[in-house]
């Protein structure tokens, strides 16, 4: 069996393939990284976005299906607001250009 790396947070949740935390009950959803340096880079990126994150890199074996062998967390995943998934409305900024003024000058037709 091949060793691989996964990222686990302080609640026992794992970084998932869908770029969100999963509880590990479905190992196929856990992101597996082949190299330790990839795991370090991913953890650094996650930590820069969430200063409360206390993550660790865990070396784990793969099962017969190629999924990481992880222990599911007993702590439920936090609910995410529905607004995070919705695309943010694009605000139109006023143009920096000033509109052309039409002036009526004598002799112009």
Protein backbone atom coordinates (compact mmCIF):
# COMPACT_ATOMS: atom_id res chain seq x y z
CA UNK A 1 0.00 0.00 0.00
CA UNK A 2 1.19 3.48 -0.84
CA UNK A 3 1.61 6.25 1.71
CA UNK A 4 0.02 9.61 1.03
CA UNK A 5 -0.57 12.84 2.93
CA UNK A 6 -3.80 14.50 4.11
CA UNK A 7 -4.44 17.74 5.99
CA UNK A 8 -6.39 17.59 9.25
CA UNK A 9 -7.55 20.56 11.31
CA UNK A 10 -7.90 20.93 15.08
CA UNK A 11 -11.47 19.52 14.96
CA UNK A 12 -10.39 16.33 13.21
CA UNK A 13 -11.84 17.41 9.86
CA UNK A 14 -9.93 16.83 6.64
CA UNK A 15 -9.33 19.15 3.69
CA UNK A 16 -11.51 17.83 0.89
CA UNK A 17 -11.29 17.59 -2.87
CA UNK A 18 -14.15 20.11 -3.13
CA UNK A 19 -11.96 22.75 -1.42
CA UNK A 20 -13.87 22.62 1.87
CA UNK A 21 -13.55 20.68 5.12
CA UNK A 22 -15.05 17.18 5.31
CA UNK A 23 -15.49 14.95 8.36
CA UNK A 24 -13.72 11.92 6.87
CA UNK A 25 -16.77 9.64 6.91
CA UNK A 26 -16.41 9.32 3.14
CA UNK A 27 -12.68 8.87 2.46
CA UNK A 28 -13.14 9.43 -1.29
CA UNK A 29 -13.91 13.11 -0.57
CA UNK A 30 -10.64 13.69 1.34
CA UNK A 31 -7.89 15.37 -0.68
CA UNK A 32 -4.84 13.17 -0.85
CA UNK A 33 -1.45 14.63 -1.67
CA UNK A 34 1.37 12.51 -3.01
CA UNK A 35 4.22 14.68 -1.72
CA UNK A 36 4.88 16.21 1.67
CA UNK A 37 5.87 19.57 0.16
CA UNK A 38 2.50 19.77 -1.66
CA UNK A 39 0.77 19.24 1.68
CA UNK A 40 2.91 21.93 3.32
CA UNK A 41 2.10 24.43 0.57
CA UNK A 42 -1.62 23.68 0.80
CA UNK A 43 -1.59 24.02 4.58
CA UNK A 44 0.24 27.36 4.34
CA UNK A 45 -2.36 28.65 1.86
CA UNK A 46 -5.22 27.51 4.11
CA UNK A 47 -3.58 29.07 7.17
CA UNK A 48 -3.14 32.39 5.40
CA UNK A 49 -6.90 32.53 4.76
CA UNK A 50 -7.92 31.33 8.24
CA UNK A 51 -5.73 32.53 11.11
CA UNK A 52 -7.66 30.34 13.58
CA UNK A 53 -6.66 27.16 11.72
CA UNK A 54 -4.47 24.72 13.58
CA UNK A 55 -3.77 22.18 10.90
CA UNK A 56 -1.42 19.27 10.62
CA UNK A 57 -0.16 17.05 7.86
CA UNK A 58 -0.90 13.40 8.45
CA UNK A 59 0.78 10.57 6.56
CA UNK A 60 -1.70 7.81 5.87
CA UNK A 61 -1.96 4.62 3.85
CA UNK A 62 -4.36 4.07 0.98
CA UNK A 63 -6.98 1.35 1.07
CA UNK A 64 -7.61 -1.13 -1.76
CA UNK A 65 -9.71 1.49 -3.63
CA UNK A 66 -6.97 4.11 -3.46
CA UNK A 67 -8.75 6.17 -0.78
CA UNK A 68 -6.88 7.46 2.28
CA UNK A 69 -7.42 5.53 5.50
CA UNK A 70 -8.72 8.26 7.82
CA UNK A 71 -10.66 8.29 11.06
CA UNK A 72 -13.99 10.14 10.82
CA UNK A 73 -14.40 13.11 13.16
CA UNK A 74 -17.08 13.01 15.87
CA UNK A 75 -17.36 16.80 15.74
CA UNK A 76 -19.98 17.96 13.22
CA UNK A 77 -18.94 20.23 10.39
CA UNK A 78 -19.87 23.90 10.84
CA UNK A 79 -22.76 25.05 8.72
CA UNK A 80 -21.79 27.45 5.97
CA UNK A 81 -24.12 30.30 5.03
CA UNK A 82 -25.88 29.89 1.70
CA UNK A 83 -24.56 33.26 0.58
CA UNK A 84 -21.00 31.89 0.33
CA UNK A 85 -21.98 29.58 -2.52
CA UNK A 86 -23.98 32.23 -4.36
CA UNK A 87 -22.03 34.38 -6.79
CA UNK A 88 -21.55 37.92 -5.59
CA UNK A 89 -23.32 40.58 -7.61
CA UNK A 90 -21.05 42.60 -9.84
CA UNK A 91 -21.16 46.27 -9.01
CA UNK A 92 -20.76 48.59 -11.93
CA UNK A 93 -18.43 51.43 -11.23
CA UNK A 94 -19.15 54.77 -12.85
CA UNK A 95 -16.97 55.46 -15.80
CA UNK A 96 -14.00 57.73 -15.22
CA UNK A 97 -14.62 59.33 -18.58
CA UNK A 98 -16.76 62.43 -18.64
CA UNK A 99 -19.63 62.37 -21.09
CA UNK A 100 -19.21 64.50 -24.16
CA UNK A 101 -21.11 67.71 -23.95
CA UNK A 102 -23.12 68.74 -26.90
CA UNK A 103 -22.98 72.43 -27.33
CA UNK A 104 -24.98 74.43 -29.79
CA UNK A 105 -22.55 76.77 -31.38
CA UNK A 106 -23.59 79.17 -34.07
CA UNK A 107 -22.92 77.85 -37.51
CA UNK A 108 -23.02 74.17 -36.58
CA UNK A 109 -25.69 72.17 -38.29
